[in-house]
Amino acid sequence: MPIQYKKNLATFVDVVTVDEAEPLLNWLQERRNAKVNLADCSHMHPANLQVLMASKCAVTAWPSDRPFSAMLKAALEN
């Protein structure tokens, strides 16, 4: 499963495809204090990035791949 959901934490694993965007949006809309862990994410479809940008949720961990992490930080950090 590309996104593992726990109470208020979504952990992205490996490749997160466009199919995960709508469930991610629904999950985030139900949780005010949601956080995401991107440490194990190797690729994310832009639809998921847009959902994260719109939700402004906190990121608890960034990917180890430096260029990927830098791109995500540029888009998601306030």
C-alpha atoms as a PDB file:
ATOM      1  CA  MET A   1       0.000   0.000   0.000  1.00  0.00           C
ATOM      2  CA  PRO A   2       1.600   3.283  -1.112  1.00  0.00           C
ATOM      3  CA  ILE A   3       0.094   5.286   1.772  1.00  0.00           C
ATOM      4  CA  GLN A   4      -0.286   3.763   5.209  1.00  0.00           C
ATOM      5  CA  TYR A   5      -2.837   5.571   7.349  1.00  0.00           C
ATOM      6  CA  LYS A   6      -2.802   5.675  11.129  1.00  0.00           C
ATOM      7  CA  LYS A   7      -4.793   7.981  13.428  1.00  0.00           C
ATOM      8  CA  ASN A   8      -3.291  11.321  12.349  1.00  0.00           C
ATOM      9  CA  LEU A   9      -0.257  10.175  10.346  1.00  0.00           C
ATOM     10  CA  ALA A  10      -0.072   9.152   6.700  1.00  0.00           C
ATOM     11  CA  THR A  11       3.167   7.418   5.726  1.00  0.00           C
ATOM     12  CA  PHE A  12       4.074   7.484   2.046  1.00  0.00           C
ATOM     13  CA  VAL A  13       5.916   4.357   0.845  1.00  0.00           C
ATOM     14  CA  ASP A  14       7.762   3.941  -2.455  1.00  0.00           C
ATOM     15  CA  VAL A  15       5.742   5.179  -5.450  1.00  0.00           C
ATOM     16  CA  VAL A  16       2.513   7.048  -4.676  1.00  0.00           C
ATOM     17  CA  THR A  17       0.311   7.104  -7.782  1.00  0.00           C
ATOM     18  CA  VAL A  18      -2.597   9.233  -8.930  1.00  0.00           C
ATOM     19  CA  ASP A  19      -4.981   6.590  -7.555  1.00  0.00           C
ATOM     20  CA  GLU A  20      -4.051   7.640  -4.009  1.00  0.00           C
ATOM     21  CA  ALA A  21      -4.919  11.326  -4.446  1.00  0.00           C
ATOM     22  CA  GLU A  22      -8.654  11.171  -3.743  1.00  0.00           C
ATOM     23  CA  PRO A  23      -8.397   8.870  -0.689  1.00  0.00           C
ATOM     24  CA  LEU A  24      -5.601  11.115   0.612  1.00  0.00           C
ATOM     25  CA  LEU A  25      -7.768  14.204   0.156  1.00  0.00           C
ATOM     26  CA  ASN A  26     -10.688  12.546   1.966  1.00  0.00           C
ATOM     27  CA  TRP A  27      -8.435  11.404   4.815  1.00  0.00           C
ATOM     28  CA  LEU A  28      -6.909  14.868   5.233  1.00  0.00           C
ATOM     29  CA  GLN A  29     -10.305  16.593   5.179  1.00  0.00           C
ATOM     30  CA  GLU A  30     -11.398  14.438   8.131  1.00  0.00           C
ATOM     31  CA  ARG A  31      -8.358  15.349  10.256  1.00  0.00           C
ATOM     32  CA  ARG A  32      -7.388  18.855  11.325  1.00  0.00           C
ATOM     33  CA  ASN A  33      -4.037  17.836  12.826  1.00  0.00           C
ATOM     34  CA  ALA A  34      -2.951  15.415  10.114  1.00  0.00           C
ATOM     35  CA  LYS A  35       0.735  14.874   9.451  1.00  0.00           C
ATOM     36  CA  VAL A  36       2.595  13.063   6.695  1.00  0.00           C
ATOM     37  CA  ASN A  37       5.829  11.091   6.734  1.00  0.00           C
ATOM     38  CA  LEU A  38       7.563  11.160   3.349  1.00  0.00           C
ATOM     39  CA  ALA A  39      10.822   9.460   4.399  1.00  0.00           C
ATOM     40  CA  ASP A  40      10.174   6.255   2.428  1.00  0.00           C
ATOM     41  CA  CYS A  41       8.583   7.912  -0.606  1.00  0.00           C
ATOM     42  CA  SER A  42      10.587   7.581  -3.830  1.00  0.00           C
ATOM     43  CA  HIS A  43       8.081   9.160  -6.242  1.00  0.00           C
ATOM     44  CA  MET A  44       4.814  11.052  -5.883  1.00  0.00           C
ATOM     45  CA  HIS A  45       2.292  11.800  -8.608  1.00  0.00           C
ATOM     46  CA  PRO A  46       1.690  15.576  -8.857  1.00  0.00           C
ATOM     47  CA  ALA A  47      -1.974  15.111  -7.869  1.00  0.00           C
ATOM     48  CA  ASN A  48      -0.831  13.982  -4.420  1.00  0.00           C
ATOM     49  CA  LEU A  49       1.539  16.923  -4.181  1.00  0.00           C
ATOM     50  CA  GLN A  50      -1.346  19.268  -4.982  1.00  0.00           C
ATOM     51  CA  VAL A  51      -3.444  17.672  -2.238  1.00  0.00           C
ATOM     52  CA  LEU A  52      -0.603  18.154   0.255  1.00  0.00           C
ATOM     53  CA  MET A  53      -0.080  21.749  -0.844  1.00  0.00           C
ATOM     54  CA  ALA A  54      -3.773  22.556  -0.438  1.00  0.00           C
ATOM     55  CA  SER A  55      -4.054  20.861   2.957  1.00  0.00           C
ATOM     56  CA  LYS A  56      -0.962  22.555   4.413  1.00  0.00           C
ATOM     57  CA  CYS A  57      -0.459  19.560   6.687  1.00  0.00           C
ATOM     58  CA  ALA A  58       2.779  19.116   8.636  1.00  0.00           C
ATOM     59  CA  VAL A  59       5.556  16.930   7.245  1.00  0.00           C
ATOM     60  CA  THR A  60       7.278  14.851   9.940  1.00  0.00           C
ATOM     61  CA  ALA A  61      10.044  13.400   7.728  1.00  0.00           C
ATOM     62  CA  TRP A  62      11.405  14.130   4.262  1.00  0.00           C
ATOM     63  CA  PRO A  63      12.715  11.684   1.615  1.00  0.00           C
ATOM     64  CA  SER A  64      16.409  10.819   1.733  1.00  0.00           C
ATOM     65  CA  ASP A  65      16.772  11.517  -2.006  1.00  0.00           C
ATOM     66  CA  ARG A  66      18.128  15.078  -1.915  1.00  0.00           C
ATOM     67  CA  PRO A  67      16.747  16.444  -5.222  1.00  0.00           C
ATOM     68  CA  PHE A  68      13.310  14.919  -4.562  1.00  0.00           C
ATOM     69  CA  SER A  69      13.322  16.201  -0.984  1.00  0.00           C
ATOM     70  CA  ALA A  70      14.387  19.689  -2.104  1.00  0.00           C
ATOM     71  CA  MET A  71      11.555  19.843  -4.629  1.00  0.00           C
ATOM     72  CA  LEU A  72       9.012  18.739  -2.026  1.00  0.00           C
ATOM     73  CA  LYS A  73      10.327  21.192   0.570  1.00  0.00           C
ATOM     74  CA  ALA A  74      10.112  24.049  -1.924  1.00  0.00           C
ATOM     75  CA  ALA A  75       6.479  23.196  -2.573  1.00  0.00           C
ATOM     76  CA  LEU A  76       5.344  22.320   0.945  1.00  0.00           C
ATOM     77  CA  GLU A  77       7.282  24.387   3.465  1.00  0.00           C
ATOM     78  CA  ASN A  78       5.711  27.654   4.554  1.00  0.00           C
END
